[in-house]
Amino acid sequence: MYTLRDLDADIIVMHGPAGCGFMAARRLEEAGVRVMTTGMHENDLIFGAEEKLIRILKNVDGRFNPHLIGVVGTCASMIIGENLDGAVKKAGLSAVVLPVDVHGCSGPNTSGAIRALEVAAERGVITSQEMDRQRSMLLKATQIERERGLTSRDYLEPHPGATKMSVGLRIVNALRKGQRVAVALNAKKETAYGFADTMRAVQYARDKVGGEVVHIGNLDPDVGLPRIRRYAINILRDLKGSGVADVLLTGGLDEYPVAGEAAARALDECGADLRIIAGLPHAVPGLRREDILVTDQPRELRNYIEQGFLLSVGEVSTHADVMSTSRVLYSELGNTIREIVDEGLA
């Protein structure tokens, strides 16, 4: 569903019961994508619900006049063998429709994204080259998660992480001593709207107390789907407005699985005394125990803490907060750094 949003779908129709995808639907609505279900009932599991899907597709096409519609399968509709593509053809819509025949039991969560990209390429929404690039990123992301991320462990209990004050003091004290601090953003798509505030805050502290700052980020505005490029353009605009003029680009916002390798090289070469990695730090090879890691997943924080990265900080509301924004948001760590500087706490 998020991939359909990235493709600038106007409407997503989930072919299944009313409650399917509830949390994702709420966030996508905040991002400006209309989401609805076909509301399958028990009888539909026996007799099928193709006519219901056709009727709803015709209704949304006539009511909203969308350019692009995504139709997504659910466990209920896919396991009984509903033919999404057949229903789309029978509906005869004026809009471009992408039938994505996957469900929650189809495998890793990247399976649905890959299938959406394949259908988009088949329908001419994206090129086959872009589809291949995106698929390679998603497969790499799956591999990284299995090796170093959330799915590398059987169970991870949520952890609150280190306090923002302790980490903020470490950052401001390093700058006040004239040390070089590197901030590497390696974030996934829209979450960069939250994590990029760390770059702004560290630059603010540097301007007030001294030291040196090196900014690194996967913010290439020429890589990715149009929506993803807009994210990068907006973030670079806001960073520049806050004094962050020079950012060493490591890739696009959808390239975090491989941009992490470029970030690692940049971090090694910049000679920083203190390193901050924000977004998905575990996608950056060669992390050091003294690094500051910033992420939004409490279970990922547990993963980092148990590996010895004790300066791991949580920005747990990031994903929910960024869904409707087009500007870099203030973060808890960023605000803590500013408070430390303004109140003379370090």
C-alpha atoms as a PDB file:
ATOM      1  CA  MET A   1       0.000   0.000   0.000  1.00  0.00           C
ATOM      2  CA  TYR A   2       2.840   2.379   0.769  1.00  0.00           C
ATOM      3  CA  THR A   3       4.389   1.590  -2.611  1.00  0.00           C
ATOM      4  CA  LEU A   4       1.104   2.493  -4.303  1.00  0.00           C
ATOM      5  CA  ARG A   5       1.229   5.783  -2.424  1.00  0.00           C
ATOM      6  CA  ASP A   6       4.784   6.296  -3.684  1.00  0.00           C
ATOM      7  CA  LEU A   7       3.445   5.742  -7.204  1.00  0.00           C
ATOM      8  CA  ASP A   8       1.026   8.629  -6.521  1.00  0.00           C
ATOM      9  CA  ALA A   9      -2.105   6.490  -6.437  1.00  0.00           C
ATOM     10  CA  ASP A  10      -5.191   8.577  -5.726  1.00  0.00           C
ATOM     11  CA  ILE A  11      -7.244   5.714  -4.278  1.00  0.00           C
ATOM     12  CA  ILE A  12      -6.453   2.284  -2.860  1.00  0.00           C
ATOM     13  CA  VAL A  13      -9.215  -0.323  -2.720  1.00  0.00           C
ATOM     14  CA  MET A  14      -8.547  -3.267  -0.421  1.00  0.00           C
ATOM     15  CA  HIS A  15     -10.505  -6.323  -1.502  1.00  0.00           C
ATOM     16  CA  GLY A  16     -11.368  -7.826   1.856  1.00  0.00           C
ATOM     17  CA  PRO A  17     -13.196  -7.333   5.171  1.00  0.00           C
ATOM     18  CA  ALA A  18     -13.767  -3.835   6.507  1.00  0.00           C
ATOM     19  CA  GLY A  19     -11.040  -4.028   9.167  1.00  0.00           C
ATOM     20  CA  CYS A  20      -8.185  -5.093   6.904  1.00  0.00           C
ATOM     21  CA  GLY A  21      -5.188  -2.757   6.851  1.00  0.00           C
ATOM     22  CA  PHE A  22      -6.791  -0.398   9.352  1.00  0.00           C
ATOM     23  CA  MET A  23      -3.589   1.155  10.727  1.00  0.00           C
ATOM     24  CA  ALA A  24      -1.940   1.513   7.323  1.00  0.00           C
ATOM     25  CA  ALA A  25      -5.149   2.985   5.913  1.00  0.00           C
ATOM     26  CA  ARG A  26      -5.271   5.661   8.621  1.00  0.00           C
ATOM     27  CA  ARG A  27      -1.730   6.783   7.890  1.00  0.00           C
ATOM     28  CA  LEU A  28      -2.243   6.739   4.135  1.00  0.00           C
ATOM     29  CA  GLU A  29      -5.358   8.876   4.477  1.00  0.00           C
ATOM     30  CA  GLU A  30      -3.202  11.410   6.336  1.00  0.00           C
ATOM     31  CA  ALA A  31      -0.814  11.327   3.366  1.00  0.00           C
ATOM     32  CA  GLY A  32      -3.662  12.254   1.014  1.00  0.00           C
ATOM     33  CA  VAL A  33      -4.508   8.804  -0.362  1.00  0.00           C
ATOM     34  CA  ARG A  34      -8.122   7.658  -0.116  1.00  0.00           C
ATOM     35  CA  VAL A  35      -8.344   4.086   1.199  1.00  0.00           C
ATOM     36  CA  MET A  36     -11.445   1.895   1.238  1.00  0.00           C
ATOM     37  CA  THR A  37     -12.324  -1.782   1.423  1.00  0.00           C
ATOM     38  CA  THR A  38     -14.907  -3.909  -0.322  1.00  0.00           C
ATOM     39  CA  GLY A  39     -16.240  -5.026   3.072  1.00  0.00           C
ATOM     40  CA  MET A  40     -16.293  -8.762   2.362  1.00  0.00           C
ATOM     41  CA  HIS A  41     -18.626 -10.842   4.561  1.00  0.00           C
ATOM     42  CA  GLU A  42     -18.770 -14.548   5.433  1.00  0.00           C
ATOM     43  CA  ASN A  43     -20.947 -15.346   2.414  1.00  0.00           C
ATOM     44  CA  ASP A  44     -18.353 -13.748   0.152  1.00  0.00           C
ATOM     45  CA  LEU A  45     -15.786 -16.288   1.340  1.00  0.00           C
ATOM     46  CA  ILE A  46     -18.007 -19.008  -0.105  1.00  0.00           C
ATOM     47  CA  PHE A  47     -19.583 -17.419  -3.165  1.00  0.00           C
ATOM     48  CA  GLY A  48     -16.935 -14.835  -4.022  1.00  0.00           C
ATOM     49  CA  ALA A  49     -17.103 -11.055  -4.102  1.00  0.00           C
ATOM     50  CA  GLU A  50     -16.109 -10.136  -7.646  1.00  0.00           C
ATOM     51  CA  GLU A  51     -19.333  -8.247  -8.318  1.00  0.00           C
ATOM     52  CA  LYS A  52     -18.862  -6.273  -5.126  1.00  0.00           C
ATOM     53  CA  LEU A  53     -15.349  -5.266  -6.206  1.00  0.00           C
ATOM     54  CA  ILE A  54     -16.563  -4.276  -9.680  1.00  0.00           C
ATOM     55  CA  ARG A  55     -19.360  -2.164  -8.227  1.00  0.00           C
ATOM     56  CA  ILE A  56     -17.043  -0.332  -5.833  1.00  0.00           C
ATOM     57  CA  LEU A  57     -14.442   0.288  -8.549  1.00  0.00           C
ATOM     58  CA  LYS A  58     -17.079   1.853 -10.792  1.00  0.00           C
ATOM     59  CA  ASN A  59     -18.316   3.945  -7.899  1.00  0.00           C
ATOM     60  CA  VAL A  60     -14.907   5.388  -6.967  1.00  0.00           C
ATOM     61  CA  ASP A  61     -14.039   6.004 -10.620  1.00  0.00           C
ATOM     62  CA  GLY A  62     -17.181   8.027 -11.184  1.00  0.00           C
ATOM     63  CA  ARG A  63     -17.213   9.765  -7.816  1.00  0.00           C
ATOM     64  CA  PHE A  64     -13.578  10.838  -7.477  1.00  0.00           C
ATOM     65  CA  ASN A  65     -12.351  10.829 -11.094  1.00  0.00           C
ATOM     66  CA  PRO A  66      -8.959   9.398 -10.052  1.00  0.00           C
ATOM     67  CA  HIS A  67      -5.937   9.112 -12.312  1.00  0.00           C
ATOM     68  CA  LEU A  68      -4.471   6.016 -10.638  1.00  0.00           C
ATOM     69  CA  ILE A  69      -6.211   3.365  -8.522  1.00  0.00           C
ATOM     70  CA  GLY A  70      -4.532   0.536  -6.643  1.00  0.00           C
ATOM     71  CA  VAL A  71      -6.476  -2.652  -5.908  1.00  0.00           C
ATOM     72  CA  VAL A  72      -4.865  -4.725  -3.169  1.00  0.00           C
ATOM     73  CA  GLY A  73      -5.646  -8.281  -2.184  1.00  0.00           C
ATOM     74  CA  THR A  74      -6.101  -9.454   1.386  1.00  0.00           C
ATOM     75  CA  CYS A  75      -5.840 -12.891   2.972  1.00  0.00           C
ATOM     76  CA  ALA A  76      -9.611 -13.308   2.632  1.00  0.00           C
ATOM     77  CA  SER A  77      -9.842 -12.526  -1.082  1.00  0.00           C
ATOM     78  CA  MET A  78      -6.583 -14.081  -2.243  1.00  0.00           C
ATOM     79  CA  ILE A  79      -6.891 -17.409  -0.445  1.00  0.00           C
ATOM     80  CA  ILE A  80     -10.306 -18.029  -2.042  1.00  0.00           C
ATOM     81  CA  GLY A  81      -8.829 -17.175  -5.448  1.00  0.00           C
ATOM     82  CA  GLU A  82     -10.461 -13.846  -6.319  1.00  0.00           C
ATOM     83  CA  ASN A  83      -9.291 -12.587  -9.732  1.00  0.00           C
ATOM     84  CA  LEU A  84      -8.410  -8.931  -9.227  1.00  0.00           C
ATOM     85  CA  ASP A  85      -7.245  -8.362 -12.784  1.00  0.00           C
ATOM     86  CA  GLY A  86     -10.400  -9.935 -14.181  1.00  0.00           C
ATOM     87  CA  ALA A  87     -12.595  -7.711 -12.038  1.00  0.00           C
ATOM     88  CA  VAL A  88     -10.665  -4.617 -13.122  1.00  0.00           C
ATOM     89  CA  LYS A  89     -11.134  -5.491 -16.797  1.00  0.00           C
ATOM     90  CA  LYS A  90     -14.861  -6.078 -16.315  1.00  0.00           C
ATOM     91  CA  ALA A  91     -15.220  -2.741 -14.517  1.00  0.00           C
ATOM     92  CA  GLY A  92     -13.900  -0.911 -17.601  1.00  0.00           C
ATOM     93  CA  LEU A  93     -12.648   2.155 -15.774  1.00  0.00           C
ATOM     94  CA  SER A  94     -11.207   5.313 -17.288  1.00  0.00           C
ATOM     95  CA  ALA A  95      -8.494   5.439 -14.619  1.00  0.00           C
ATOM     96  CA  VAL A  96      -5.293   3.414 -14.687  1.00  0.00           C
ATOM     97  CA  VAL A  97      -5.739   0.524 -12.246  1.00  0.00           C
ATOM     98  CA  LEU A  98      -2.988  -1.555 -10.650  1.00  0.00           C
ATOM     99  CA  PRO A  99      -4.297  -4.920  -9.340  1.00  0.00           C
ATOM    100  CA  VAL A 100      -1.813  -6.184  -6.737  1.00  0.00           C
ATOM    101  CA  ASP A 101      -2.630  -9.809  -5.983  1.00  0.00           C
ATOM    102  CA  VAL A 102      -0.805 -10.352  -2.687  1.00  0.00           C
ATOM    103  CA  HIS A 103      -1.841 -10.802   0.934  1.00  0.00           C
ATOM    104  CA  GLY A 104      -0.417 -10.998   4.443  1.00  0.00           C
ATOM    105  CA  CYS A 105       0.713 -14.604   4.060  1.00  0.00           C
ATOM    106  CA  SER A 106       2.670 -13.973   0.849  1.00  0.00           C
ATOM    107  CA  GLY A 107       6.091 -13.786   2.531  1.00  0.00           C
ATOM    108  CA  PRO A 108       8.299 -10.889   3.692  1.00  0.00           C
ATOM    109  CA  ASN A 109       6.643  -7.487   3.823  1.00  0.00           C
ATOM    110  CA  THR A 110       8.675  -6.523   0.767  1.00  0.00           C
ATOM    111  CA  SER A 111       6.776  -9.095  -1.340  1.00  0.00           C
ATOM    112  CA  GLY A 112       3.771  -6.825  -1.718  1.00  0.00           C
ATOM    113  CA  ALA A 113       5.918  -3.830  -2.610  1.00  0.00           C
ATOM    114  CA  ILE A 114       7.743  -5.828  -5.273  1.00  0.00           C
ATOM    115  CA  ARG A 115       4.475  -7.088  -6.743  1.00  0.00           C
ATOM    116  CA  ALA A 116       3.081  -3.533  -6.864  1.00  0.00           C
ATOM    117  CA  LEU A 117       6.175  -2.403  -8.766  1.00  0.00           C
ATOM    118  CA  GLU A 118       5.891  -5.313 -11.204  1.00  0.00           C
ATOM    119  CA  VAL A 119       2.271  -4.440 -11.983  1.00  0.00           C
ATOM    120  CA  ALA A 120       3.182  -0.752 -12.326  1.00  0.00           C
ATOM    121  CA  ALA A 121       5.840  -1.666 -14.881  1.00  0.00           C
ATOM    122  CA  GLU A 122       3.408  -3.923 -16.756  1.00  0.00           C
ATOM    123  CA  ARG A 123       0.894  -1.058 -16.947  1.00  0.00           C
ATOM    124  CA  GLY A 124       3.511   1.480 -18.066  1.00  0.00           C
ATOM    125  CA  VAL A 125       3.387   3.569 -14.885  1.00  0.00           C
ATOM    126  CA  ILE A 126       7.129   3.080 -14.345  1.00  0.00           C
ATOM    127  CA  THR A 127       9.895   1.747 -16.580  1.00  0.00           C
ATOM    128  CA  SER A 128      11.233  -1.771 -16.311  1.00  0.00           C
ATOM    129  CA  GLN A 129      14.596  -0.271 -15.355  1.00  0.00           C
ATOM    130  CA  GLU A 130      13.058   1.591 -12.418  1.00  0.00           C
ATOM    131  CA  MET A 131      11.224  -1.558 -11.376  1.00  0.00           C
ATOM    132  CA  ASP A 132      14.473  -3.542 -11.399  1.00  0.00           C
ATOM    133  CA  ARG A 133      16.230  -0.858  -9.353  1.00  0.00           C
ATOM    134  CA  GLN A 134      13.455  -0.727  -6.793  1.00  0.00           C
ATOM    135  CA  ARG A 135      13.253  -4.510  -6.541  1.00  0.00           C
ATOM    136  CA  SER A 136      16.986  -4.772  -5.893  1.00  0.00           C
ATOM    137  CA  MET A 137      16.629  -2.201  -3.092  1.00  0.00           C
ATOM    138  CA  LEU A 138      13.766  -4.123  -1.493  1.00  0.00           C
ATOM    139  CA  LEU A 139      15.577  -7.457  -1.675  1.00  0.00           C
ATOM    140  CA  LYS A 140      18.649  -5.851  -0.121  1.00  0.00           C
ATOM    141  CA  ALA A 141      16.473  -4.345   2.621  1.00  0.00           C
ATOM    142  CA  THR A 142      15.029  -7.784   3.403  1.00  0.00           C
ATOM    143  CA  GLN A 143      18.533  -9.226   3.616  1.00  0.00           C
ATOM    144  CA  ILE A 144      19.723  -6.477   5.977  1.00  0.00           C
ATOM    145  CA  GLU A 145      16.745  -6.957   8.287  1.00  0.00           C
ATOM    146  CA  ARG A 146      17.396 -10.699   8.472  1.00  0.00           C
ATOM    147  CA  GLU A 147      21.084 -10.196   9.178  1.00  0.00           C
ATOM    148  CA  ARG A 148      21.123  -7.132  11.460  1.00  0.00           C
ATOM    149  CA  GLY A 149      17.602  -5.784  11.941  1.00  0.00           C
ATOM    150  CA  LEU A 150      14.340  -6.688  13.620  1.00  0.00           C
ATOM    151  CA  THR A 151      13.925 -10.081  11.945  1.00  0.00           C
ATOM    152  CA  SER A 152      17.441 -11.188  12.949  1.00  0.00           C
ATOM    153  CA  ARG A 153      16.107 -12.141  16.396  1.00  0.00           C
ATOM    154  CA  ASP A 154      13.259 -14.399  17.511  1.00  0.00           C
ATOM    155  CA  TYR A 155      11.872 -11.779  19.881  1.00  0.00           C
ATOM    156  CA  LEU A 156      12.852  -8.258  20.869  1.00  0.00           C
ATOM    157  CA  GLU A 157      11.208  -6.566  23.822  1.00  0.00           C
ATOM    158  CA  PRO A 158      10.665  -2.828  23.304  1.00  0.00           C
ATOM    159  CA  HIS A 159      13.292  -0.578  24.902  1.00  0.00           C
ATOM    160  CA  PRO A 160      13.012   3.181  25.565  1.00  0.00           C
ATOM    161  CA  GLY A 161      16.646   3.773  24.618  1.00  0.00           C
ATOM    162  CA  ALA A 162      19.041   6.272  26.140  1.00  0.00           C
ATOM    163  CA  THR A 163      17.656   9.580  27.387  1.00  0.00           C
ATOM    164  CA  LYS A 164      17.687  12.501  24.974  1.00  0.00           C
ATOM    165  CA  MET A 165      19.335  14.659  27.635  1.00  0.00           C
ATOM    166  CA  SER A 166      22.322  12.348  28.108  1.00  0.00           C
ATOM    167  CA  VAL A 167      22.863  12.025  24.367  1.00  0.00           C
ATOM    168  CA  GLY A 168      22.274  15.724  23.738  1.00  0.00           C
ATOM    169  CA  LEU A 169      24.851  16.620  26.380  1.00  0.00           C
ATOM    170  CA  ARG A 170      27.359  14.302  24.725  1.00  0.00           C
ATOM    171  CA  ILE A 171      26.839  16.062  21.381  1.00  0.00           C
ATOM    172  CA  VAL A 172      26.970  19.638  22.681  1.00  0.00           C
ATOM    173  CA  ASN A 173      30.002  18.957  24.886  1.00  0.00           C
ATOM    174  CA  ALA A 174      31.871  17.481  21.925  1.00  0.00           C
ATOM    175  CA  LEU A 175      31.194  20.602  19.860  1.00  0.00           C
ATOM    176  CA  ARG A 176      32.110  22.938  22.708  1.00  0.00           C
ATOM    177  CA  LYS A 177      35.483  21.176  22.945  1.00  0.00           C
ATOM    178  CA  GLY A 178      36.058  21.961  19.274  1.00  0.00           C
ATOM    179  CA  GLN A 179      35.582  18.380  18.126  1.00  0.00           C
ATOM    180  CA  ARG A 180      34.232  17.266  14.771  1.00  0.00           C
ATOM    181  CA  VAL A 181      30.754  15.727  14.824  1.00  0.00           C
ATOM    182  CA  ALA A 182      29.409  13.816  11.823  1.00  0.00           C
ATOM    183  CA  VAL A 183      25.665  13.401  11.293  1.00  0.00           C
ATOM    184  CA  ALA A 184      24.723  10.675   8.820  1.00  0.00           C
ATOM    185  CA  LEU A 185      21.098  10.451   7.724  1.00  0.00           C
ATOM    186  CA  ASN A 186      20.228   7.011   6.366  1.00  0.00           C
ATOM    187  CA  ALA A 187      16.451   7.134   6.470  1.00  0.00           C
ATOM    188  CA  LYS A 188      13.605   5.405   4.680  1.00  0.00           C
ATOM    189  CA  LYS A 189      11.490   7.667   2.508  1.00  0.00           C
ATOM    190  CA  GLU A 190       9.131   9.981   4.435  1.00  0.00           C
ATOM    191  CA  THR A 191      10.667   9.202   7.842  1.00  0.00           C
ATOM    192  CA  ALA A 192      13.532  11.499   6.815  1.00  0.00           C
ATOM    193  CA  TYR A 193      11.190  14.432   7.522  1.00  0.00           C
ATOM    194  CA  GLY A 194      11.643  13.559  11.196  1.00  0.00           C
ATOM    195  CA  PHE A 195      15.215  12.309  11.358  1.00  0.00           C
ATOM    196  CA  ALA A 196      16.648  15.238   9.369  1.00  0.00           C
ATOM    197  CA  ASP A 197      15.954  17.496  12.339  1.00  0.00           C
ATOM    198  CA  THR A 198      19.012  15.977  14.012  1.00  0.00           C
ATOM    199  CA  MET A 199      21.095  17.587  11.277  1.00  0.00           C
ATOM    200  CA  ARG A 200      19.437  20.960  11.873  1.00  0.00           C
ATOM    201  CA  ALA A 201      19.878  20.761  15.635  1.00  0.00           C
ATOM    202  CA  VAL A 202      23.547  19.774  15.516  1.00  0.00           C
ATOM    203  CA  GLN A 203      24.196  22.608  13.052  1.00  0.00           C
ATOM    204  CA  TYR A 204      22.385  24.986  15.421  1.00  0.00           C
ATOM    205  CA  ALA A 205      24.580  23.831  18.299  1.00  0.00           C
ATOM    206  CA  ARG A 206      27.722  24.182  16.208  1.00  0.00           C
ATOM    207  CA  ASP A 207      26.784  27.761  15.254  1.00  0.00           C
ATOM    208  CA  LYS A 208      26.282  28.608  18.944  1.00  0.00           C
ATOM    209  CA  VAL A 209      29.130  26.806  20.726  1.00  0.00           C
ATOM    210  CA  GLY A 210      31.705  26.018  18.033  1.00  0.00           C
ATOM    211  CA  GLY A 211      33.250  22.809  16.786  1.00  0.00           C
ATOM    212  CA  GLU A 212      32.875  21.245  13.363  1.00  0.00           C
ATOM    213  CA  VAL A 213      29.982  19.407  11.726  1.00  0.00           C
ATOM    214  CA  VAL A 214      29.930  17.099   8.715  1.00  0.00           C
ATOM    215  CA  HIS A 215      26.523  16.321   7.199  1.00  0.00           C
ATOM    216  CA  ILE A 216      25.913  13.106   5.261  1.00  0.00           C
ATOM    217  CA  GLY A 217      22.548  11.974   3.894  1.00  0.00           C
ATOM    218  CA  ASN A 218      20.656   9.822   1.397  1.00  0.00           C
ATOM    219  CA  LEU A 219      18.896  12.911   0.034  1.00  0.00           C
ATOM    220  CA  ASP A 220      19.693  12.778  -3.677  1.00  0.00           C
ATOM    221  CA  PRO A 221      16.779  14.654  -5.324  1.00  0.00           C
ATOM    222  CA  ASP A 222      17.380  12.965  -8.677  1.00  0.00           C
ATOM    223  CA  VAL A 223      16.763   9.384  -7.527  1.00  0.00           C
ATOM    224  CA  GLY A 224      13.470   7.557  -7.054  1.00  0.00           C
ATOM    225  CA  LEU A 225       9.806   7.945  -7.875  1.00  0.00           C
ATOM    226  CA  PRO A 226       8.425  11.508  -8.152  1.00  0.00           C
ATOM    227  CA  ARG A 227       6.998  11.521  -4.621  1.00  0.00           C
ATOM    228  CA  ILE A 228      10.295  10.323  -3.136  1.00  0.00           C
ATOM    229  CA  ARG A 229      12.218  12.989  -5.040  1.00  0.00           C
ATOM    230  CA  ARG A 230       9.848  15.624  -3.664  1.00  0.00           C
ATOM    231  CA  TYR A 231      10.669  14.477  -0.152  1.00  0.00           C
ATOM    232  CA  ALA A 232      14.390  14.979  -0.814  1.00  0.00           C
ATOM    233  CA  ILE A 233      13.854  18.385  -2.437  1.00  0.00           C
ATOM    234  CA  ASN A 234      11.739  19.581   0.495  1.00  0.00           C
ATOM    235  CA  ILE A 235      14.196  18.330   3.104  1.00  0.00           C
ATOM    236  CA  LEU A 236      17.222  19.863   1.380  1.00  0.00           C
ATOM    237  CA  ARG A 237      15.295  23.139   1.183  1.00  0.00           C
ATOM    238  CA  ASP A 238      14.578  23.120   4.915  1.00  0.00           C
ATOM    239  CA  LEU A 239      18.109  22.083   5.806  1.00  0.00           C
ATOM    240  CA  LYS A 240      19.541  24.926   3.748  1.00  0.00           C
ATOM    241  CA  GLY A 241      17.177  27.332   5.464  1.00  0.00           C
ATOM    242  CA  SER A 242      18.606  26.193   8.798  1.00  0.00           C
ATOM    243  CA  GLY A 243      22.226  26.662   7.802  1.00  0.00           C
ATOM    244  CA  VAL A 244      22.928  23.127   6.599  1.00  0.00           C
ATOM    245  CA  ALA A 245      24.254  24.128   3.201  1.00  0.00           C
ATOM    246  CA  ASP A 246      26.564  21.225   2.374  1.00  0.00           C
ATOM    247  CA  VAL A 247      25.322  17.641   2.547  1.00  0.00           C
ATOM    248  CA  LEU A 248      27.398  14.768   1.202  1.00  0.00           C
ATOM    249  CA  LEU A 249      24.813  12.757  -0.762  1.00  0.00           C
ATOM    250  CA  THR A 250      24.928   8.970  -0.453  1.00  0.00           C
ATOM    251  CA  GLY A 251      21.896   8.069  -2.578  1.00  0.00           C
ATOM    252  CA  GLY A 252      18.141   8.516  -2.708  1.00  0.00           C
ATOM    253  CA  LEU A 253      15.572   8.153   0.062  1.00  0.00           C
ATOM    254  CA  ASP A 254      14.520   4.763  -1.278  1.00  0.00           C
ATOM    255  CA  GLU A 255      18.135   3.577  -1.451  1.00  0.00           C
ATOM    256  CA  TYR A 256      18.776   3.279   2.288  1.00  0.00           C
ATOM    257  CA  PRO A 257      19.840  -0.401   1.970  1.00  0.00           C
ATOM    258  CA  VAL A 258      22.812   0.514  -0.237  1.00  0.00           C
ATOM    259  CA  ALA A 259      23.203   4.174   0.749  1.00  0.00           C
ATOM    260  CA  GLY A 260      24.279   2.869   4.139  1.00  0.00           C
ATOM    261  CA  GLU A 261      27.456   1.531   2.554  1.00  0.00           C
ATOM    262  CA  ALA A 262      28.236   4.958   1.077  1.00  0.00           C
ATOM    263  CA  ALA A 263      27.485   6.546   4.453  1.00  0.00           C
ATOM    264  CA  ALA A 264      29.930   4.163   6.127  1.00  0.00           C
ATOM    265  CA  ARG A 265      32.683   5.184   3.729  1.00  0.00           C
ATOM    266  CA  ALA A 266      31.946   8.870   4.256  1.00  0.00           C
ATOM    267  CA  LEU A 267      31.989   8.441   8.031  1.00  0.00           C
ATOM    268  CA  ASP A 268      35.332   6.644   7.889  1.00  0.00           C
ATOM    269  CA  GLU A 269      36.853   9.332   5.683  1.00  0.00           C
ATOM    270  CA  CYS A 270      35.654  12.436   7.542  1.00  0.00           C
ATOM    271  CA  GLY A 271      37.675  11.830  10.689  1.00  0.00           C
ATOM    272  CA  ALA A 272      34.853  12.607  13.098  1.00  0.00           C
ATOM    273  CA  ASP A 273      35.363  12.513  16.855  1.00  0.00           C
ATOM    274  CA  LEU A 274      31.680  11.741  17.380  1.00  0.00           C
ATOM    275  CA  ARG A 275      29.332  10.071  14.897  1.00  0.00           C
ATOM    276  CA  ILE A 276      25.534  10.237  14.796  1.00  0.00           C
ATOM    277  CA  ILE A 277      23.575   7.900  12.509  1.00  0.00           C
ATOM    278  CA  ALA A 278      19.846   8.601  12.181  1.00  0.00           C
ATOM    279  CA  GLY A 279      17.068   6.612  10.499  1.00  0.00           C
ATOM    280  CA  LEU A 280      18.065   2.989   9.957  1.00  0.00           C
ATOM    281  CA  PRO A 281      21.535   2.831  11.515  1.00  0.00           C
ATOM    282  CA  HIS A 282      21.864  -0.956  11.173  1.00  0.00           C
ATOM    283  CA  ALA A 283      21.974  -0.499   7.380  1.00  0.00           C
ATOM    284  CA  VAL A 284      25.301   1.323   7.870  1.00  0.00           C
ATOM    285  CA  PRO A 285      28.193  -1.169   8.143  1.00  0.00           C
ATOM    286  CA  GLY A 286      31.031  -0.714  10.600  1.00  0.00           C
ATOM    287  CA  LEU A 287      29.160   0.968  13.434  1.00  0.00           C
ATOM    288  CA  ARG A 288      31.181   1.743  16.558  1.00  0.00           C
ATOM    289  CA  ARG A 289      30.018   1.167  20.119  1.00  0.00           C
ATOM    290  CA  GLU A 290      30.449   4.883  20.899  1.00  0.00           C
ATOM    291  CA  ASP A 291      28.256   5.961  17.964  1.00  0.00           C
ATOM    292  CA  ILE A 292      24.934   7.678  18.632  1.00  0.00           C
ATOM    293  CA  LEU A 293      22.115   5.816  16.877  1.00  0.00           C
ATOM    294  CA  VAL A 294      18.708   7.417  16.323  1.00  0.00           C
ATOM    295  CA  THR A 295      15.725   5.356  15.164  1.00  0.00           C
ATOM    296  CA  ASP A 296      11.951   5.138  15.601  1.00  0.00           C
ATOM    297  CA  GLN A 297      11.400   1.497  16.567  1.00  0.00           C
ATOM    298  CA  PRO A 298      11.434   0.526  20.279  1.00  0.00           C
ATOM    299  CA  ARG A 299      12.248  -3.077  19.350  1.00  0.00           C
ATOM    300  CA  GLU A 300      15.096  -1.893  17.151  1.00  0.00           C
ATOM    301  CA  LEU A 301      16.396   0.086  20.116  1.00  0.00           C
ATOM    302  CA  ARG A 302      16.490  -3.157  22.093  1.00  0.00           C
ATOM    303  CA  ASN A 303      18.408  -4.734  19.229  1.00  0.00           C
ATOM    304  CA  TYR A 304      20.979  -1.924  19.293  1.00  0.00           C
ATOM    305  CA  ILE A 305      21.289  -1.767  23.090  1.00  0.00           C
ATOM    306  CA  GLU A 306      21.874  -5.514  23.384  1.00  0.00           C
ATOM    307  CA  GLN A 307      24.613  -5.261  20.765  1.00  0.00           C
ATOM    308  CA  GLY A 308      26.415  -2.700  22.911  1.00  0.00           C
ATOM    309  CA  PHE A 309      25.266   0.532  21.242  1.00  0.00           C
ATOM    310  CA  LEU A 310      24.284   2.188  24.506  1.00  0.00           C
ATOM    311  CA  LEU A 311      23.830   5.658  22.996  1.00  0.00           C
ATOM    312  CA  SER A 312      20.747   4.607  21.023  1.00  0.00           C
ATOM    313  CA  VAL A 313      17.875   7.085  21.054  1.00  0.00           C
ATOM    314  CA  GLY A 314      14.221   6.578  20.142  1.00  0.00           C
ATOM    315  CA  GLU A 315      12.023   8.953  18.139  1.00  0.00           C
ATOM    316  CA  VAL A 316       9.087   6.585  18.365  1.00  0.00           C
ATOM    317  CA  SER A 317       6.366   8.839  16.939  1.00  0.00           C
ATOM    318  CA  THR A 318       8.272   9.655  13.766  1.00  0.00           C
ATOM    319  CA  HIS A 319       6.345   7.548  11.254  1.00  0.00           C
ATOM    320  CA  ALA A 320       2.942   8.671  12.468  1.00  0.00           C
ATOM    321  CA  ASP A 321       4.023  12.313  12.642  1.00  0.00           C
ATOM    322  CA  VAL A 322       5.484  12.628   9.149  1.00  0.00           C
ATOM    323  CA  MET A 323       2.649  11.187   7.067  1.00  0.00           C
ATOM    324  CA  SER A 324       0.939  14.496   6.305  1.00  0.00           C
ATOM    325  CA  THR A 325       3.930  16.832   6.248  1.00  0.00           C
ATOM    326  CA  SER A 326       5.996  18.399   3.506  1.00  0.00           C
ATOM    327  CA  ARG A 327       8.503  19.989   5.894  1.00  0.00           C
ATOM    328  CA  VAL A 328      11.147  18.756   8.305  1.00  0.00           C
ATOM    329  CA  LEU A 329       9.537  18.351  11.731  1.00  0.00           C
ATOM    330  CA  TYR A 330      11.074  19.128  15.084  1.00  0.00           C
ATOM    331  CA  SER A 331      12.235  15.998  16.901  1.00  0.00           C
ATOM    332  CA  GLU A 332      12.642  15.270  20.607  1.00  0.00           C
ATOM    333  CA  LEU A 333      16.406  14.847  20.349  1.00  0.00           C
ATOM    334  CA  GLY A 334      16.695  17.953  18.192  1.00  0.00           C
ATOM    335  CA  ASN A 335      14.701  20.042  20.651  1.00  0.00           C
ATOM    336  CA  THR A 336      16.759  18.675  23.538  1.00  0.00           C
ATOM    337  CA  ILE A 337      19.985  19.734  21.813  1.00  0.00           C
ATOM    338  CA  ARG A 338      18.576  23.225  21.267  1.00  0.00           C
ATOM    339  CA  GLU A 339      17.442  23.443  24.891  1.00  0.00           C
ATOM    340  CA  ILE A 340      20.876  22.419  26.160  1.00  0.00           C
ATOM    341  CA  VAL A 341      22.476  25.150  24.063  1.00  0.00           C
ATOM    342  CA  ASP A 342      19.942  27.885  24.844  1.00  0.00           C
ATOM    343  CA  GLU A 343      19.791  27.173  28.580  1.00  0.00           C
ATOM    344  CA  GLY A 344      23.548  26.805  28.924  1.00  0.00           C
ATOM    345  CA  LEU A 345      23.261  23.266  30.264  1.00  0.00           C
ATOM    346  CA  ALA A 346      26.551  22.230  28.678  1.00  0.00           C
END
